[in-house]
N, C-alpha and C. Protein backbone atom coordinates (compact mmCIF):
# COMPACT_ATOMS: atom_id res chain seq x y z
N UNK A 1 93.69 116.06 76.60
CA UNK A 1 93.55 115.21 77.85
C UNK A 1 94.60 115.34 78.74
N UNK A 2 94.43 115.71 80.01
CA UNK A 2 95.13 115.96 81.11
C UNK A 2 95.70 114.95 81.52
N UNK A 3 96.35 114.39 81.96
CA UNK A 3 96.94 113.64 82.55
C UNK A 3 96.31 112.87 83.89
N UNK A 4 96.15 114.02 84.91
CA UNK A 4 95.92 114.20 86.23
C UNK A 4 94.25 113.77 86.24
N UNK A 5 93.49 114.10 85.09
CA UNK A 5 91.96 113.20 84.97
C UNK A 5 92.15 111.66 84.45
N UNK A 6 93.49 111.04 83.92
CA UNK A 6 93.81 110.06 83.57
C UNK A 6 93.51 108.70 84.57
N UNK A 7 92.75 107.81 84.45
CA UNK A 7 92.74 106.65 85.32
C UNK A 7 93.83 105.59 84.87
N UNK A 8 95.16 105.24 85.33
CA UNK A 8 95.52 104.50 85.17
C UNK A 8 94.85 102.90 85.95
N UNK A 9 95.43 101.77 84.96
CA UNK A 9 95.22 100.57 85.45
C UNK A 9 96.36 99.27 85.14
N UNK A 10 96.40 98.36 85.93
CA UNK A 10 97.18 97.51 85.12
C UNK A 10 96.77 96.52 86.02
N UNK A 11 97.03 95.31 84.79
CA UNK A 11 96.54 93.85 85.36
C UNK A 11 97.62 93.35 85.94
N UNK A 12 97.30 92.40 86.56
CA UNK A 12 98.33 91.82 88.13
C UNK A 12 97.91 90.39 87.92
N UNK A 13 98.91 89.72 87.32
CA UNK A 13 98.36 87.64 87.55
C UNK A 13 98.82 87.12 89.09
N UNK A 14 97.52 86.62 89.79
CA UNK A 14 98.30 86.16 91.36
C UNK A 14 97.87 84.67 90.94
N UNK A 15 98.51 83.74 91.88
CA UNK A 15 98.26 82.65 91.76
C UNK A 15 96.68 82.05 92.16
N UNK A 16 95.70 83.62 92.28
CA UNK A 16 93.96 83.30 92.69
C UNK A 16 93.53 83.59 91.32
N UNK A 17 94.60 83.96 90.15
CA UNK A 17 93.45 84.73 88.95
C UNK A 17 94.01 86.36 88.95
N UNK A 18 93.29 86.44 87.74
CA UNK A 18 93.68 88.16 87.47
C UNK A 18 93.05 89.54 88.47
N UNK A 19 93.86 90.12 89.27
CA UNK A 19 93.69 91.60 89.79
C UNK A 19 94.63 92.26 88.78
N UNK A 20 93.33 93.48 89.49
CA UNK A 20 94.12 94.51 88.76
C UNK A 20 93.84 95.84 89.28
N UNK A 21 94.83 96.81 89.63
CA UNK A 21 95.58 97.54 90.78
C UNK A 21 95.14 98.98 89.48
N UNK A 22 94.55 100.08 90.18
CA UNK A 22 94.11 100.92 89.39
C UNK A 22 95.02 102.24 90.65
N UNK A 23 95.07 103.54 89.79
CA UNK A 23 95.59 104.65 89.99
C UNK A 23 95.62 105.62 89.35
N UNK A 24 95.53 107.30 90.15
CA UNK A 24 95.18 108.52 89.38
C UNK A 24 96.53 109.13 90.52
N UNK A 25 97.13 110.24 89.86
CA UNK A 25 98.59 110.90 89.97
C UNK A 25 99.11 110.46 91.15
N UNK A 26 99.18 108.95 90.86
CA UNK A 26 100.56 108.31 91.57
C UNK A 26 99.61 107.54 92.91
N UNK A 27 98.77 107.47 93.06
CA UNK A 27 97.94 107.50 94.60
C UNK A 27 96.83 106.25 94.01
N UNK A 28 96.93 105.38 94.64
CA UNK A 28 96.25 103.91 94.86
C UNK A 28 94.88 104.31 94.86
N UNK A 29 93.82 104.14 93.97
CA UNK A 29 92.58 104.00 93.95
C UNK A 29 91.41 102.86 93.74
N UNK A 30 92.16 101.92 93.51
CA UNK A 30 91.15 100.97 92.86
C UNK A 30 92.24 99.46 93.07
N UNK A 31 91.82 98.22 93.27
CA UNK A 31 92.24 97.11 93.39
C UNK A 31 90.77 96.27 93.32
N UNK A 32 91.20 94.93 92.41
CA UNK A 32 89.98 94.13 92.00
C UNK A 32 90.63 92.68 92.51
N UNK A 33 89.84 92.51 93.78
CA UNK A 33 90.65 91.21 93.77
C UNK A 33 90.55 90.10 92.68
N UNK A 34 91.22 88.96 92.50
CA UNK A 34 91.65 88.13 91.51
C UNK A 34 90.61 87.30 90.94
N UNK A 35 90.21 87.51 89.60
CA UNK A 35 89.37 86.83 89.02
C UNK A 35 89.67 85.85 87.64
N UNK A 36 89.19 84.90 87.63
CA UNK A 36 89.20 83.65 86.48
C UNK A 36 89.49 84.30 85.23
N UNK A 37 89.04 85.48 84.91
CA UNK A 37 89.00 86.44 83.77
C UNK A 37 89.42 87.76 83.78
N UNK A 38 90.15 88.46 82.57
CA UNK A 38 90.17 89.69 82.58
C UNK A 38 88.80 90.43 82.25
N UNK A 39 88.23 89.62 81.20
CA UNK A 39 86.35 90.60 81.29
C UNK A 39 85.96 90.91 82.93
N UNK A 40 85.90 90.05 83.49
CA UNK A 40 85.30 89.45 84.97
C UNK A 40 85.98 90.75 85.87
N UNK A 41 87.69 90.71 85.94
CA UNK A 41 88.21 91.83 86.74
C UNK A 41 87.95 93.03 86.20
N UNK A 42 87.53 93.29 85.05
CA UNK A 42 87.70 94.79 84.65
C UNK A 42 85.69 94.98 84.81
N UNK A 43 84.87 94.22 84.50
CA UNK A 43 83.55 94.37 85.17
C UNK A 43 83.88 94.54 86.13
N UNK A 44 84.51 94.21 87.61
CA UNK A 44 84.52 94.80 89.00
C UNK A 44 85.15 96.21 88.85
N UNK A 45 86.02 96.57 88.08
CA UNK A 45 86.68 97.80 88.35
C UNK A 45 85.75 99.08 87.58
N UNK A 46 85.04 98.26 87.15
CA UNK A 46 83.83 99.63 86.20
C UNK A 46 82.87 99.68 87.38
N UNK A 47 82.40 98.72 87.97
CA UNK A 47 82.01 99.10 88.85
C UNK A 47 82.00 99.81 90.27
N UNK A 48 83.17 100.10 90.57
CA UNK A 48 83.72 100.66 91.20
C UNK A 48 83.58 102.27 91.33
N UNK A 49 83.21 102.71 92.61
CA UNK A 49 83.07 104.47 92.71
C UNK A 49 84.47 104.96 92.29
N UNK A 50 84.77 105.41 91.30
CA UNK A 50 86.57 105.93 91.14
C UNK A 50 86.67 107.27 91.18
N UNK A 51 87.70 107.78 91.94
CA UNK A 51 87.45 109.62 91.41
C UNK A 51 87.25 109.87 90.25
N UNK A 52 86.91 111.12 90.31
CA UNK A 52 86.84 111.74 88.46
C UNK A 52 87.94 111.39 87.70
N UNK A 53 87.62 110.83 86.45
CA UNK A 53 88.48 110.74 85.41
C UNK A 53 87.79 110.62 84.13
N UNK A 54 88.61 111.11 83.18
CA UNK A 54 88.15 111.08 81.29
C UNK A 54 88.61 109.91 81.33
N UNK A 55 89.32 109.03 81.70
CA UNK A 55 89.99 108.33 80.55
C UNK A 55 90.25 107.11 81.21
N UNK A 56 90.48 105.69 81.21
CA UNK A 56 91.12 104.47 81.26
C UNK A 56 92.55 104.39 80.63
N UNK A 57 93.20 104.31 81.32
CA UNK A 57 94.94 103.77 80.38
C UNK A 57 94.92 103.14 80.95
N UNK A 58 95.63 101.85 79.99
CA UNK A 58 96.10 100.52 80.29
C UNK A 58 97.48 100.64 80.60
N UNK A 59 97.95 100.36 81.55
CA UNK A 59 99.76 101.13 81.83
C UNK A 59 100.43 99.51 81.94
N UNK A 60 101.63 98.99 82.10
CA UNK A 60 102.25 97.96 82.14
C UNK A 60 103.56 98.00 83.40
N UNK A 61 103.67 99.86 83.67
CA UNK A 61 104.11 99.44 84.60
C UNK A 61 103.54 100.37 86.06
N UNK A 62 103.63 99.94 87.36
CA UNK A 62 103.41 100.42 88.34
C UNK A 62 103.89 101.51 88.96
N UNK A 63 103.33 102.21 89.80
CA UNK A 63 104.13 103.49 90.25
C UNK A 63 105.19 103.02 91.53
N UNK A 64 104.64 101.84 92.02
CA UNK A 64 104.89 101.38 92.85
C UNK A 64 106.03 100.46 92.57
N UNK A 65 107.05 100.24 92.81
CA UNK A 65 107.47 99.08 92.63
C UNK A 65 107.61 97.63 93.16
N UNK A 66 107.53 97.32 94.33
CA UNK A 66 106.98 96.30 94.93
C UNK A 66 105.54 95.90 95.76
N UNK A 67 104.91 96.59 94.68
CA UNK A 67 103.51 96.30 95.37
C UNK A 67 103.29 94.95 95.01
N UNK A 68 103.13 94.51 93.20
CA UNK A 68 102.89 92.99 92.69
C UNK A 68 103.34 92.16 93.67
N UNK A 69 104.70 92.37 94.39
CA UNK A 69 105.35 91.38 94.72
C UNK A 69 104.45 91.17 96.64
N UNK A 70 104.39 92.20 96.77
CA UNK A 70 103.43 92.02 98.34
C UNK A 70 102.09 91.46 97.64
N UNK A 71 101.43 91.83 97.10
CA UNK A 71 100.21 90.75 96.44
C UNK A 71 100.54 89.89 96.33
N UNK A 72 101.24 89.42 95.36
CA UNK A 72 101.75 87.82 95.54
C UNK A 72 101.98 87.20 96.62
N UNK A 73 102.95 87.71 97.19
CA UNK A 73 103.34 87.31 99.20
C UNK A 73 102.08 87.24 100.09
N UNK A 74 101.02 88.25 99.60
CA UNK A 74 99.79 87.73 100.58
C UNK A 74 98.91 86.95 100.05
N UNK A 75 98.69 86.67 98.63
CA UNK A 75 98.51 85.54 98.49
C UNK A 75 98.97 84.29 98.48
N UNK A 76 99.96 84.40 99.00
CA UNK A 76 101.01 83.44 99.21
C UNK A 76 101.04 83.04 101.33
N UNK A 77 99.82 83.60 101.45
CA UNK A 77 99.95 83.22 102.64
C UNK A 77 100.58 83.92 103.67
N UNK A 78 102.11 84.87 103.13
CA UNK A 78 103.01 86.06 103.98
C UNK A 78 102.16 86.91 104.29
N UNK A 79 102.86 87.46 105.69
CA UNK A 79 102.28 88.93 106.18
C UNK A 79 102.48 89.87 105.80
N UNK A 80 101.89 90.78 105.30
CA UNK A 80 102.03 92.14 104.41
C UNK A 80 101.15 93.08 104.93
N UNK A 81 102.53 94.46 105.23
CA UNK A 81 101.53 95.43 105.15
C UNK A 81 101.50 96.53 104.00
N UNK A 82 100.88 96.61 103.40
CA UNK A 82 100.55 97.69 102.36
C UNK A 82 100.63 99.27 103.00
N UNK A 83 101.54 100.36 102.55
CA UNK A 83 101.27 101.35 102.86
C UNK A 83 101.89 102.20 101.76
N UNK A 84 101.28 101.62 100.72
CA UNK A 84 100.93 102.50 99.64
C UNK A 84 100.30 103.45 99.36
N UNK A 85 100.17 105.04 99.09
CA UNK A 85 99.39 106.24 99.45
C UNK A 85 98.08 105.87 98.51
N UNK A 86 96.98 106.60 98.77
CA UNK A 86 95.40 106.06 98.44
C UNK A 86 95.38 107.43 98.24
N UNK A 87 93.90 107.33 97.40
CA UNK A 87 93.17 108.40 97.12
C UNK A 87 91.53 107.76 97.44
N UNK A 88 91.02 108.25 98.41
CA UNK A 88 89.86 108.21 98.34
C UNK A 88 88.44 109.61 98.68
N UNK A 89 89.10 110.31 98.39
CA UNK A 89 88.03 111.74 98.51
C UNK A 89 87.35 111.80 97.23
N UNK A 90 86.80 110.72 96.71
CA UNK A 90 85.35 110.90 96.19
C UNK A 90 84.31 110.59 96.70
N UNK A 91 84.67 110.33 98.15
CA UNK A 91 83.36 109.70 98.98
C UNK A 91 83.36 111.08 99.95
N UNK A 92 82.20 110.74 100.93
CA UNK A 92 81.76 111.31 101.70
C UNK A 92 82.57 111.32 103.13
N UNK A 93 82.67 112.36 103.85
CA UNK A 93 83.30 112.09 104.87
C UNK A 93 83.28 110.84 105.95
N UNK A 94 82.19 110.66 106.21
CA UNK A 94 82.17 109.28 107.05
C UNK A 94 82.57 107.97 106.54
N UNK A 95 82.23 108.20 105.02
CA UNK A 95 82.80 107.01 104.44
C UNK A 95 84.40 106.88 104.53
N UNK A 96 84.72 107.96 104.24
CA UNK A 96 86.37 108.32 104.01
C UNK A 96 86.88 108.28 105.65
N UNK A 97 86.07 108.47 106.50
CA UNK A 97 86.81 108.23 107.62
C UNK A 97 86.75 106.73 108.69
N UNK A 98 85.49 105.53 107.72
CA UNK A 98 85.57 104.80 108.04
C UNK A 98 86.42 103.49 107.47
N UNK A 99 86.63 104.17 105.82
CA UNK A 99 87.67 103.55 105.39
C UNK A 99 89.36 103.89 105.61
N UNK A 100 89.65 104.95 106.43
CA UNK A 100 90.79 105.09 107.26
C UNK A 100 90.59 104.28 108.79
N UNK A 101 89.71 104.28 109.28
CA UNK A 101 89.82 103.54 110.31
C UNK A 101 90.11 101.88 110.08
N UNK A 102 89.50 101.60 108.73
CA UNK A 102 89.69 100.14 108.40
C UNK A 102 91.30 100.15 107.93
N UNK A 103 91.87 100.99 107.42
CA UNK A 103 93.09 100.64 106.65
C UNK A 103 94.06 100.36 107.75
N UNK A 104 94.12 100.84 108.90
CA UNK A 104 94.62 100.91 110.56
C UNK A 104 94.52 99.49 110.84
N UNK A 105 93.32 98.59 110.17
CA UNK A 105 93.40 97.14 111.43
C UNK A 105 94.43 96.24 110.74
N UNK A 106 95.23 95.73 111.81
CA UNK A 106 96.71 95.46 111.40
C UNK A 106 96.16 93.59 110.92
N UNK A 107 97.10 93.31 110.04
CA UNK A 107 97.07 91.92 109.49
C UNK A 107 96.96 90.77 110.46
N UNK A 108 96.07 90.00 110.01
CA UNK A 108 95.61 88.95 111.69
C UNK A 108 94.76 89.55 112.42
N UNK A 109 94.30 90.36 112.34
CA UNK A 109 93.30 90.84 113.65
C UNK A 109 91.87 91.25 112.55
N UNK A 110 90.67 91.48 113.68
CA UNK A 110 89.46 91.67 113.23
C UNK A 110 89.11 92.58 114.21
N UNK A 111 87.64 93.41 113.65
CA UNK A 111 87.62 94.15 114.67
C UNK A 111 85.81 94.07 114.27
N UNK A 112 84.50 94.27 114.83
CA UNK A 112 83.49 94.26 114.77
C UNK A 112 82.99 95.90 113.84
N UNK A 113 82.02 95.25 113.27
CA UNK A 113 81.49 96.74 112.90
C UNK A 113 80.92 97.65 113.93
N UNK A 114 80.80 96.75 114.87
CA UNK A 114 80.13 98.08 116.21
C UNK A 114 81.98 99.05 116.54
N UNK A 115 82.85 97.69 116.96
CA UNK A 115 84.16 98.56 117.37
C UNK A 115 84.86 99.71 116.23
N UNK A 116 84.54 99.29 115.15
CA UNK A 116 84.84 100.12 114.03
C UNK A 116 83.81 101.55 114.55
N UNK A 117 82.57 101.54 114.06
CA UNK A 117 81.45 102.53 114.24
C UNK A 117 82.21 103.14 115.84
N UNK A 118 82.24 102.64 116.96
CA UNK A 118 82.97 102.90 117.88
C UNK A 118 84.29 103.84 117.96
N UNK A 119 84.51 103.57 116.65
CA UNK A 119 86.42 104.38 116.86
C UNK A 119 85.76 105.90 115.60
N UNK A 120 84.81 106.12 115.13
CA UNK A 120 84.25 106.79 114.60
C UNK A 120 83.61 107.88 114.71
N UNK A 121 83.18 108.64 114.07
CA UNK A 121 82.54 110.04 115.17
C UNK A 121 80.84 110.05 114.90
N UNK A 122 80.44 108.69 114.74
CA UNK A 122 78.95 108.04 114.87
C UNK A 122 79.31 106.64 115.63
N UNK A 123 79.09 107.01 117.26
CA UNK A 123 79.68 105.96 117.97
C UNK A 123 78.37 104.69 117.60
N UNK A 124 77.37 104.80 117.23
CA UNK A 124 76.24 103.66 117.00
C UNK A 124 76.05 103.56 115.59
N UNK A 125 76.36 104.20 114.61
CA UNK A 125 76.09 103.51 113.40
C UNK A 125 76.93 102.48 112.53
N UNK A 126 76.42 101.39 113.27
CA UNK A 126 77.27 99.99 113.03
C UNK A 126 76.98 99.94 111.52
N UNK A 127 75.65 99.67 111.54
CA UNK A 127 74.83 99.74 109.68
C UNK A 127 75.65 100.64 108.42
N UNK A 128 75.74 101.32 108.95
CA UNK A 128 76.58 102.73 108.35
C UNK A 128 78.10 102.01 108.10
N UNK A 129 78.79 101.63 108.83
CA UNK A 129 80.05 101.08 108.81
C UNK A 129 79.78 100.22 107.50
N UNK A 130 79.00 99.15 107.41
CA UNK A 130 78.75 98.41 106.58
C UNK A 130 78.74 98.71 105.17
N UNK A 131 77.94 99.89 105.29
CA UNK A 131 77.46 101.00 104.24
C UNK A 131 78.64 100.84 103.27
N UNK A 132 79.60 101.70 104.47
CA UNK A 132 81.00 102.85 103.83
C UNK A 132 82.07 101.70 103.10
N UNK A 133 81.66 100.53 103.61
CA UNK A 133 82.78 99.48 103.31
C UNK A 133 82.24 98.89 102.33
N UNK A 134 81.28 98.54 101.81
CA UNK A 134 80.34 97.96 100.49
C UNK A 134 81.05 98.82 99.59
N UNK A 135 81.48 100.29 99.82
CA UNK A 135 81.93 101.11 99.10
C UNK A 135 83.41 100.76 98.88
N UNK A 136 84.01 100.33 99.48
CA UNK A 136 85.66 100.22 99.41
C UNK A 136 86.20 99.68 97.87
N UNK A 137 86.76 100.59 97.21
CA UNK A 137 87.31 100.13 95.90
C UNK A 137 88.96 99.98 95.90
N UNK A 138 89.38 99.66 97.16
CA UNK A 138 90.33 99.14 97.14
C UNK A 138 90.86 98.12 98.35
N UNK A 139 89.97 96.62 98.42
CA UNK A 139 90.13 96.00 99.12
C UNK A 139 91.15 95.13 99.16
N UNK A 140 91.88 94.96 100.69
CA UNK A 140 93.12 94.23 100.36
C UNK A 140 93.73 95.18 101.31
N UNK A 141 94.41 96.27 100.10
CA UNK A 141 95.07 97.75 101.00
C UNK A 141 94.05 98.32 101.94
N UNK A 142 92.79 98.83 101.77
CA UNK A 142 92.03 98.76 103.08
C UNK A 142 91.39 97.65 103.15
N UNK A 143 91.40 96.85 104.31
CA UNK A 143 91.30 95.48 104.23
C UNK A 143 89.60 95.28 105.12
N UNK A 144 88.92 95.59 104.52
CA UNK A 144 87.26 95.63 104.89
C UNK A 144 86.80 94.39 105.31
N UNK A 145 87.80 93.52 104.54
CA UNK A 145 87.62 91.56 104.68
C UNK A 145 87.33 91.34 106.66
N UNK A 146 88.61 92.39 107.06
CA UNK A 146 88.73 92.33 108.65
C UNK A 146 88.05 92.73 109.51
N UNK A 147 86.41 93.07 108.78
CA UNK A 147 85.59 93.84 109.55
C UNK A 147 84.19 93.08 109.57
N UNK A 148 84.33 92.09 110.83
CA UNK A 148 82.92 91.15 110.99
C UNK A 148 81.94 91.46 111.74
N UNK A 149 81.23 90.61 111.93
CA UNK A 149 79.30 91.36 112.69
C UNK A 149 79.98 90.64 113.96
N UNK A 150 78.88 90.83 114.72
CA UNK A 150 79.20 90.12 116.13
C UNK A 150 79.14 88.93 116.10
N UNK A 151 78.38 88.37 115.35
CA UNK A 151 78.20 86.64 115.82
C UNK A 151 78.47 85.89 114.24
N UNK A 152 78.65 86.77 113.45
CA UNK A 152 78.68 86.14 112.30
C UNK A 152 80.03 86.87 111.36
N UNK A 153 80.47 86.31 110.10
CA UNK A 153 81.42 86.76 109.37
C UNK A 153 80.76 88.35 108.52
N UNK A 154 79.49 88.53 108.91
CA UNK A 154 79.11 89.67 108.17
C UNK A 154 79.10 89.63 106.69
N UNK A 155 79.06 90.73 105.81
CA UNK A 155 78.99 90.54 104.55
C UNK A 155 80.65 91.25 103.68
N UNK A 156 80.33 90.80 102.33
CA UNK A 156 81.76 91.25 101.99
C UNK A 156 81.27 91.34 100.36
N UNK A 157 81.97 92.63 99.58
CA UNK A 157 81.02 92.80 97.79
C UNK A 157 81.49 91.75 97.39
N UNK A 158 82.56 90.86 97.30
CA UNK A 158 82.67 89.98 96.65
C UNK A 158 82.52 88.50 96.99
N UNK A 159 81.59 88.46 98.39
CA UNK A 159 81.15 87.43 98.93
C UNK A 159 81.92 86.87 100.09
N UNK A 160 81.11 85.99 100.73
CA UNK A 160 81.87 85.51 101.96
C UNK A 160 82.29 84.53 101.77
N UNK A 161 82.92 83.85 100.48
CA UNK A 161 83.88 82.35 100.36
C UNK A 161 85.11 83.60 100.22
N UNK A 162 85.17 84.86 99.68
CA UNK A 162 86.27 85.48 99.20
C UNK A 162 86.68 86.40 100.93
N UNK A 163 85.32 86.42 101.39
CA UNK A 163 86.38 86.83 102.86
C UNK A 163 86.74 86.08 103.63
N UNK A 164 85.97 84.81 103.69
CA UNK A 164 86.71 83.95 104.36
C UNK A 164 88.00 82.95 104.19
N UNK A 165 88.14 83.12 102.62
CA UNK A 165 89.48 82.92 102.11
C UNK A 165 90.51 83.70 102.93
N UNK A 166 90.36 85.20 102.60
CA UNK A 166 91.36 85.97 102.65
C UNK A 166 91.76 86.21 104.39
N UNK A 167 90.77 86.07 105.63
CA UNK A 167 91.05 85.86 106.74
C UNK A 167 91.31 84.52 106.90
N UNK A 168 91.61 83.35 106.48
CA UNK A 168 92.12 82.08 106.22
C UNK A 168 93.69 82.69 105.95
N UNK A 169 93.82 83.18 104.88
CA UNK A 169 95.40 83.46 104.82
C UNK A 169 95.92 84.03 105.29
N UNK A 170 95.40 84.97 106.48
CA UNK A 170 95.54 85.61 107.42
C UNK A 170 95.94 85.09 109.16
N UNK A 171 95.58 83.62 108.50
CA UNK A 171 95.16 82.63 110.14
C UNK A 171 94.71 83.06 111.06
N UNK A 172 93.10 83.67 110.70
CA UNK A 172 91.71 83.78 111.26
C UNK A 172 90.96 83.03 111.26
N UNK A 173 90.72 82.24 112.10
CA UNK A 173 89.38 81.15 111.80
C UNK A 173 88.70 81.57 113.00
N UNK A 174 87.50 82.24 112.62
CA UNK A 174 86.13 82.33 112.94
C UNK A 174 85.13 80.86 112.89
């Protein structure tokens, strides 16, 4: 088995439950928002569209020394900027473009699906923005919760309660 085709993951205990951080070749590839049980967290991980891999390997050490501290600080309501290198090349170009745009939305700010589309190569593809964000395997790090509809929260793969909780942690009240 070649190391480059292995997908590594680690469980992370947070105040809100167990999260999972996944990576390949020292590039962040997955983040599962905290779940009540390890089983539920792992089910989310398995549902993600991940980079090609031959195996899942449980690791106890993360490649980024301060990532677990950043995640826990975020869930404690602190302003955090995630800068870890990511891998999203398993997606089509437009999805990667939308994820890249979304990664640059700062803590405490939101954009509408329309605003994100207008920053992309397909200026009127608002629904396609939502579809691309639904495929995001690194929520929090690529903060898709910061993208909302014009007159509502819009959608979120983990449910609107999670989206509202994350926005509230960032002092965004809609």
